[in-house]
N, C-alpha and C. Protein backbone atom coordinates (compact mmCIF):
# COMPACT_ATOMS: atom_id res chain seq x y z
N MET A 1 128.25 -29.22 36.92
CA MET A 1 127.68 -30.47 37.29
C MET A 1 126.38 -30.57 37.81
N LEU A 2 126.10 -29.42 38.66
CA LEU A 2 124.74 -29.27 39.05
C LEU A 2 123.72 -29.04 38.09
N THR A 3 123.99 -28.02 37.09
CA THR A 3 123.18 -27.75 36.05
C THR A 3 122.98 -29.11 35.22
N ASP A 4 123.95 -29.81 34.90
CA ASP A 4 123.83 -31.08 34.34
C ASP A 4 122.93 -32.08 35.05
N PHE A 5 122.75 -32.07 36.34
CA PHE A 5 121.98 -32.92 37.12
C PHE A 5 120.64 -32.31 36.90
N PHE A 6 120.47 -30.99 36.97
CA PHE A 6 119.00 -30.56 36.76
C PHE A 6 118.49 -30.87 35.20
N LYS A 7 119.35 -30.84 34.34
CA LYS A 7 119.05 -31.52 33.00
C LYS A 7 118.75 -32.77 33.12
N LEU A 8 119.34 -33.64 33.69
CA LEU A 8 119.09 -35.14 33.77
C LEU A 8 117.78 -35.32 34.41
N CYS A 9 117.51 -34.57 35.49
CA CYS A 9 116.23 -34.73 36.05
C CYS A 9 114.99 -34.29 35.11
N ALA A 10 115.31 -33.33 34.35
CA ALA A 10 114.22 -32.74 33.51
C ALA A 10 113.95 -33.83 32.46
N GLU A 11 115.11 -34.44 31.94
CA GLU A 11 114.84 -35.32 30.77
C GLU A 11 114.62 -36.85 31.10
N ASP A 12 115.05 -37.31 32.34
CA ASP A 12 114.85 -38.62 32.62
C ASP A 12 113.95 -38.82 33.94
N ALA A 13 112.84 -39.40 33.68
CA ALA A 13 111.86 -39.55 34.82
C ALA A 13 112.34 -40.41 35.89
N GLU A 14 113.14 -41.49 35.53
CA GLU A 14 113.72 -42.35 36.63
C GLU A 14 114.60 -41.42 37.48
N ALA A 15 115.35 -40.60 36.99
CA ALA A 15 116.39 -39.78 37.58
C ALA A 15 115.72 -38.85 38.69
N ARG A 16 114.49 -38.54 38.50
CA ARG A 16 113.78 -37.64 39.44
C ARG A 16 113.43 -38.11 40.78
N GLN A 17 113.30 -39.47 40.79
CA GLN A 17 113.19 -40.17 42.18
C GLN A 17 114.50 -40.10 43.21
N TYR A 18 115.57 -39.79 42.57
CA TYR A 18 116.77 -39.75 43.36
C TYR A 18 117.15 -38.51 44.01
N LEU A 19 117.87 -38.47 45.20
CA LEU A 19 118.37 -37.08 45.69
C LEU A 19 119.74 -36.93 44.97
N TYR A 20 120.18 -35.83 45.23
CA TYR A 20 121.57 -35.47 44.54
C TYR A 20 122.56 -36.46 45.03
N GLN A 21 122.72 -36.92 46.17
CA GLN A 21 123.75 -37.64 46.64
C GLN A 21 123.56 -39.16 46.04
N GLU A 22 122.34 -39.35 45.74
CA GLU A 22 121.99 -40.80 45.31
C GLU A 22 122.20 -41.00 43.69
N VAL A 23 122.14 -40.05 42.90
CA VAL A 23 122.23 -40.09 41.61
C VAL A 23 123.34 -40.70 41.07
N ALA A 24 124.54 -40.46 41.70
CA ALA A 24 125.87 -41.08 41.28
C ALA A 24 125.85 -42.64 41.53
N LEU A 25 124.93 -43.14 42.27
CA LEU A 25 124.88 -44.59 42.33
C LEU A 25 124.19 -45.36 41.14
N HIS A 26 123.56 -44.45 40.44
CA HIS A 26 122.82 -44.92 39.29
C HIS A 26 123.34 -44.42 37.97
N TYR A 27 124.08 -43.33 38.01
CA TYR A 27 124.30 -42.71 36.83
C TYR A 27 126.00 -42.31 36.95
N ALA A 28 126.59 -42.25 35.91
CA ALA A 28 128.03 -41.87 35.90
C ALA A 28 128.21 -40.43 35.32
N TYR A 29 129.04 -39.60 35.87
CA TYR A 29 129.29 -38.19 35.20
C TYR A 29 130.57 -38.05 34.36
N SER A 30 130.28 -37.37 33.32
CA SER A 30 131.45 -37.10 32.46
C SER A 30 131.17 -35.64 32.07
N LYS A 31 132.43 -34.91 32.16
CA LYS A 31 132.42 -33.50 31.86
C LYS A 31 131.95 -33.12 30.36
N LYS A 32 132.37 -34.17 29.63
CA LYS A 32 131.78 -33.95 28.14
C LYS A 32 130.59 -34.40 27.75
N LYS A 33 130.13 -35.47 28.45
CA LYS A 33 128.78 -36.10 28.16
C LYS A 33 127.74 -36.01 29.33
N GLY A 34 128.05 -35.32 30.29
CA GLY A 34 127.12 -35.15 31.39
C GLY A 34 126.85 -36.48 32.17
N TRP A 35 125.80 -36.59 32.67
CA TRP A 35 125.14 -37.84 33.39
C TRP A 35 124.70 -38.82 32.37
N LYS A 36 125.24 -40.13 32.43
CA LYS A 36 124.73 -41.28 31.68
C LYS A 36 124.39 -42.42 32.74
N LYS A 37 123.31 -43.25 32.33
CA LYS A 37 122.97 -44.40 33.26
C LYS A 37 124.09 -45.36 33.15
N ARG A 38 124.24 -45.90 34.36
CA ARG A 38 125.40 -46.79 34.58
C ARG A 38 124.83 -48.17 33.93
N LYS A 39 125.85 -48.87 33.22
CA LYS A 39 125.41 -50.30 32.68
C LYS A 39 125.47 -51.27 33.77
N ARG A 40 126.60 -51.23 34.70
CA ARG A 40 126.83 -52.23 35.72
C ARG A 40 126.77 -51.41 37.05
N GLN A 41 126.11 -51.94 37.95
CA GLN A 41 126.11 -51.35 39.34
C GLN A 41 127.58 -51.87 39.97
N ARG A 42 128.37 -50.85 40.36
CA ARG A 42 129.54 -50.99 41.08
C ARG A 42 129.44 -50.32 42.46
N LYS A 43 130.32 -50.67 43.21
CA LYS A 43 130.57 -49.98 44.54
C LYS A 43 130.97 -48.65 44.20
N THR A 44 130.23 -47.68 44.71
CA THR A 44 130.38 -46.21 44.47
C THR A 44 130.53 -45.53 45.53
N LEU A 45 131.57 -44.69 45.78
CA LEU A 45 131.80 -43.64 46.79
C LEU A 45 131.27 -42.29 46.30
N VAL A 46 130.14 -41.88 47.01
CA VAL A 46 129.63 -40.40 46.74
C VAL A 46 130.16 -39.55 47.80
N ARG A 47 130.61 -38.32 47.16
CA ARG A 47 131.03 -37.24 48.22
C ARG A 47 130.23 -36.00 47.75
N VAL A 48 129.81 -35.29 48.61
CA VAL A 48 128.98 -34.11 48.47
C VAL A 48 129.83 -33.14 49.40
N GLN A 49 130.14 -32.13 48.75
CA GLN A 49 131.03 -31.08 49.46
C GLN A 49 130.25 -30.46 50.67
N SER A 50 131.05 -30.26 51.61
CA SER A 50 130.51 -29.76 52.91
C SER A 50 130.59 -28.18 52.78
N VAL A 51 129.43 -27.50 53.47
CA VAL A 51 129.35 -26.12 53.48
C VAL A 51 129.21 -25.63 54.75
N LEU A 52 129.91 -24.69 55.17
CA LEU A 52 129.69 -24.00 56.58
C LEU A 52 128.44 -23.25 56.67
N PRO A 53 127.64 -23.40 57.70
CA PRO A 53 126.39 -22.64 58.03
C PRO A 53 126.57 -21.21 57.72
N ARG A 54 127.77 -20.56 58.05
CA ARG A 54 127.85 -19.12 57.77
C ARG A 54 127.76 -18.75 56.28
N ASP A 55 127.91 -19.64 55.30
CA ASP A 55 127.78 -19.41 54.06
C ASP A 55 126.18 -19.85 53.66
N ARG A 56 125.31 -18.87 53.96
CA ARG A 56 123.93 -19.10 54.03
C ARG A 56 123.49 -19.80 52.89
N VAL A 57 123.76 -19.00 51.79
CA VAL A 57 123.27 -19.42 50.44
C VAL A 57 123.70 -20.86 50.08
N GLY A 58 125.01 -21.15 50.26
CA GLY A 58 125.54 -22.54 49.96
C GLY A 58 124.91 -23.59 50.74
N PHE A 59 124.89 -23.16 52.06
CA PHE A 59 124.40 -24.21 53.18
C PHE A 59 122.91 -24.54 52.88
N ALA A 60 121.99 -23.62 52.34
CA ALA A 60 120.54 -23.73 52.21
C ALA A 60 120.45 -24.53 50.96
N LEU A 61 121.29 -24.14 49.95
CA LEU A 61 121.29 -24.94 48.65
C LEU A 61 121.61 -26.49 48.81
N ARG A 62 122.57 -26.59 49.58
CA ARG A 62 122.96 -28.09 49.97
C ARG A 62 122.00 -28.82 50.67
N LEU A 63 121.41 -28.14 51.68
CA LEU A 63 120.20 -28.59 52.31
C LEU A 63 119.03 -29.26 51.39
N LEU A 64 118.84 -28.25 50.56
CA LEU A 64 117.75 -28.43 49.54
C LEU A 64 118.00 -29.72 48.75
N LEU A 65 119.31 -29.75 48.18
CA LEU A 65 119.63 -30.68 47.28
C LEU A 65 119.63 -32.14 48.09
N LEU A 66 120.04 -32.18 49.36
CA LEU A 66 120.04 -33.32 49.88
C LEU A 66 118.75 -33.84 50.51
N THR A 67 117.78 -33.15 50.36
CA THR A 67 116.40 -33.50 50.93
C THR A 67 115.34 -33.65 49.97
N ARG A 68 115.49 -32.96 48.59
CA ARG A 68 114.39 -32.96 47.73
C ARG A 68 114.74 -33.63 46.40
N PRO A 69 114.15 -34.76 46.19
CA PRO A 69 114.52 -35.46 45.00
C PRO A 69 114.05 -34.75 43.54
N GLY A 70 114.86 -35.04 42.60
CA GLY A 70 114.54 -34.74 41.29
C GLY A 70 114.37 -33.17 40.85
N PRO A 71 115.16 -32.29 41.44
CA PRO A 71 115.26 -30.87 41.03
C PRO A 71 115.48 -30.62 39.59
N THR A 72 114.72 -29.77 38.87
CA THR A 72 114.97 -29.50 37.53
C THR A 72 115.48 -28.19 37.24
N SER A 73 115.70 -27.32 38.26
CA SER A 73 116.27 -25.96 38.14
C SER A 73 116.43 -25.43 39.41
N TYR A 74 117.11 -24.18 39.47
CA TYR A 74 117.34 -23.51 40.89
C TYR A 74 115.89 -22.91 41.19
N GLN A 75 115.06 -22.45 40.22
CA GLN A 75 113.87 -22.14 40.57
C GLN A 75 112.81 -23.13 41.28
N TRP A 76 113.11 -24.36 40.75
CA TRP A 76 112.31 -25.50 41.36
C TRP A 76 112.74 -25.77 42.77
N LEU A 77 113.99 -25.45 43.12
CA LEU A 77 114.55 -25.78 44.39
C LEU A 77 113.89 -24.73 45.29
N ARG A 78 113.73 -23.37 44.85
CA ARG A 78 113.22 -22.30 45.59
C ARG A 78 111.69 -22.35 45.93
N THR A 79 111.00 -23.36 45.13
CA THR A 79 109.55 -23.38 45.13
C THR A 79 109.19 -24.40 46.11
N VAL A 80 108.28 -24.13 47.24
CA VAL A 80 107.80 -24.80 48.03
C VAL A 80 106.32 -24.69 48.31
N ASN A 81 105.58 -25.90 48.13
CA ASN A 81 104.08 -25.98 48.03
C ASN A 81 103.54 -24.70 47.14
N GLY A 82 104.19 -24.70 45.88
CA GLY A 82 103.61 -23.68 44.94
C GLY A 82 103.95 -22.21 45.16
N VAL A 83 104.75 -22.02 46.31
CA VAL A 83 105.27 -20.63 46.50
C VAL A 83 106.71 -20.55 46.12
N GLU A 84 107.18 -19.69 45.11
CA GLU A 84 108.40 -19.45 44.89
C GLU A 84 109.25 -18.48 45.73
N HIS A 85 110.06 -18.77 46.52
CA HIS A 85 110.78 -18.01 47.43
C HIS A 85 111.91 -17.39 46.71
N LYS A 86 112.14 -16.16 47.30
CA LYS A 86 113.31 -15.30 46.85
C LYS A 86 114.73 -16.04 47.07
N THR A 87 114.95 -16.58 48.07
CA THR A 87 116.18 -17.20 48.39
C THR A 87 116.04 -18.65 48.79
N PHE A 88 117.23 -19.51 48.54
CA PHE A 88 117.28 -20.79 49.05
C PHE A 88 117.14 -20.89 50.39
N ALA A 89 117.55 -19.85 51.18
CA ALA A 89 117.43 -19.97 52.78
C ALA A 89 115.93 -19.93 53.06
N GLN A 90 115.14 -18.88 52.34
CA GLN A 90 113.70 -18.87 52.63
C GLN A 90 112.98 -20.31 52.20
N ALA A 91 113.47 -20.89 51.21
CA ALA A 91 112.84 -22.03 50.84
C ALA A 91 113.08 -23.12 51.82
N ALA A 92 114.43 -23.26 52.44
CA ALA A 92 114.80 -24.15 53.53
C ALA A 92 114.13 -23.91 54.70
N ILE A 93 113.80 -22.68 55.15
CA ILE A 93 113.11 -22.27 56.20
C ILE A 93 111.64 -22.66 56.10
N ALA A 94 111.10 -22.58 54.96
CA ALA A 94 109.82 -23.12 54.66
C ALA A 94 109.54 -24.59 54.69
N LEU A 95 110.58 -25.29 54.56
CA LEU A 95 110.58 -26.72 54.73
C LEU A 95 111.05 -27.12 56.04
N ASN A 96 111.30 -26.07 56.96
CA ASN A 96 111.89 -26.46 58.29
C ASN A 96 113.16 -27.23 58.34
N LEU A 97 114.00 -26.92 57.30
CA LEU A 97 115.34 -27.37 57.22
C LEU A 97 116.32 -26.52 57.90
N MET A 98 116.01 -25.28 58.06
CA MET A 98 116.70 -24.19 58.75
C MET A 98 115.78 -23.40 59.57
N GLU A 99 116.48 -22.73 60.48
CA GLU A 99 115.57 -21.69 61.34
C GLU A 99 115.74 -20.35 61.03
N SER A 100 114.73 -19.62 61.23
CA SER A 100 114.80 -18.16 60.70
C SER A 100 115.73 -17.26 61.76
N ASP A 101 115.97 -16.29 61.29
CA ASP A 101 117.00 -15.31 61.95
C ASP A 101 116.20 -14.54 62.87
N SER A 102 114.88 -14.69 63.03
CA SER A 102 113.98 -13.59 63.73
C SER A 102 114.45 -13.57 65.19
N LEU A 103 114.61 -14.68 65.84
CA LEU A 103 115.01 -14.78 67.36
C LEU A 103 116.32 -14.04 67.49
N TRP A 104 117.26 -14.25 66.66
CA TRP A 104 118.64 -13.45 66.76
C TRP A 104 118.32 -11.93 66.50
N LEU A 105 117.52 -11.45 65.50
CA LEU A 105 117.34 -10.15 65.25
C LEU A 105 116.51 -9.45 66.44
N ARG A 106 115.63 -10.10 66.98
CA ARG A 106 114.94 -9.70 68.16
C ARG A 106 115.95 -9.31 69.32
N THR A 107 116.74 -10.31 69.56
CA THR A 107 117.75 -10.24 70.56
C THR A 107 118.70 -9.08 70.43
N LEU A 108 119.31 -8.97 69.23
CA LEU A 108 120.15 -7.97 68.70
C LEU A 108 119.55 -6.68 68.90
N GLN A 109 118.18 -6.55 68.69
CA GLN A 109 117.57 -5.11 68.51
C GLN A 109 117.67 -4.45 69.91
N GLY A 110 117.17 -5.60 70.91
CA GLY A 110 117.12 -5.13 72.28
C GLY A 110 118.65 -4.68 72.91
N ARG A 111 119.59 -5.26 72.57
CA ARG A 111 120.96 -5.19 73.11
C ARG A 111 121.84 -4.42 72.19
N PHE A 112 121.45 -3.87 71.09
CA PHE A 112 122.48 -3.35 70.06
C PHE A 112 123.20 -2.21 70.49
N LYS A 113 122.74 -1.31 71.24
CA LYS A 113 123.35 -0.14 71.74
C LYS A 113 124.37 -0.51 72.77
N ARG A 114 124.37 -1.48 73.37
CA ARG A 114 125.23 -2.03 74.59
C ARG A 114 126.37 -2.85 73.93
N LEU A 115 126.27 -3.28 72.73
CA LEU A 115 127.44 -3.93 72.34
C LEU A 115 128.57 -3.27 71.91
N GLN A 116 129.74 -3.74 72.06
CA GLN A 116 130.99 -3.04 71.65
C GLN A 116 131.12 -3.10 70.27
N ARG A 117 131.85 -2.05 69.65
CA ARG A 117 131.86 -2.01 68.24
C ARG A 117 132.60 -3.32 67.75
N GLN A 118 133.56 -3.63 68.40
CA GLN A 118 134.30 -4.88 67.98
C GLN A 118 133.50 -6.19 67.70
N THR A 119 132.46 -6.26 68.66
CA THR A 119 131.65 -7.59 68.70
C THR A 119 130.39 -7.63 67.77
N VAL A 120 129.99 -6.51 67.29
CA VAL A 120 128.87 -6.33 66.39
C VAL A 120 129.18 -6.97 65.00
N PRO A 121 130.18 -6.88 64.43
CA PRO A 121 130.40 -7.74 63.04
C PRO A 121 130.35 -9.09 63.24
N SER A 122 130.91 -9.62 64.47
CA SER A 122 130.86 -11.09 64.48
C SER A 122 129.49 -11.68 64.65
N PHE A 123 128.50 -10.80 65.25
CA PHE A 123 127.17 -11.21 65.46
C PHE A 123 126.41 -11.21 63.95
N LEU A 124 126.63 -10.11 63.38
CA LEU A 124 125.95 -9.92 62.03
C LEU A 124 126.38 -10.77 60.82
N CYS A 125 127.50 -11.28 60.99
CA CYS A 125 128.07 -12.08 59.83
C CYS A 125 127.24 -13.23 59.43
N SER A 126 126.50 -13.73 60.48
CA SER A 126 125.68 -14.97 60.02
C SER A 126 124.06 -14.54 60.03
N VAL A 127 123.69 -13.31 60.12
CA VAL A 127 122.32 -12.93 60.08
C VAL A 127 121.96 -12.80 58.63
N ASP A 128 120.80 -13.21 58.22
CA ASP A 128 120.45 -13.23 56.80
C ASP A 128 120.14 -11.85 56.27
N VAL A 129 119.37 -10.96 57.01
CA VAL A 129 118.95 -9.70 56.82
C VAL A 129 119.55 -8.81 57.82
N PRO A 130 120.83 -8.32 57.90
CA PRO A 130 121.23 -7.49 59.01
C PRO A 130 120.82 -6.16 59.06
N GLN A 131 120.32 -5.52 58.02
CA GLN A 131 119.65 -4.10 58.11
C GLN A 131 118.63 -4.07 59.06
N PHE A 132 117.88 -5.20 59.35
CA PHE A 132 116.82 -5.07 60.28
C PHE A 132 117.39 -4.81 61.70
N ALA A 133 118.61 -5.38 62.05
CA ALA A 133 119.21 -5.36 63.25
C ALA A 133 119.48 -3.91 63.86
N VAL A 134 119.66 -3.04 62.86
CA VAL A 134 119.99 -1.56 63.14
C VAL A 134 118.89 -0.54 63.18
N LYS A 135 117.64 -1.24 62.91
CA LYS A 135 116.50 -0.16 63.01
C LYS A 135 116.17 -0.10 64.39
N SER A 136 115.76 1.25 64.79
CA SER A 136 115.43 1.44 66.24
C SER A 136 113.95 1.60 66.33
């Protein structure tokens, strides 16, 4: 469905003005035919699946889709101000949609040796780049 949305935005200039959650108001989706322009405007309920922040990739991708109209590819979503970021999270941080993990990493680096072994994994599960937390 998402790749069909990218294809629609690449081929239809009108679709590029809509956010992911808005496209269903103007286009209908079929698994066989993809997105097709609605002939009649009807009351439409649009649902976008929620994603927990601990799923960093999915959460960042969702944020980008909900705030950037007309994406044509995953690469397009990762590109901000002409700079292609390696991850969706980095692109979301560049757009100030998410916060960087740097504050958490600095805090963990200072207190890492004092943490009990049982609590370390729960802190690291939401850090984007956990290997930096263990450098001394």
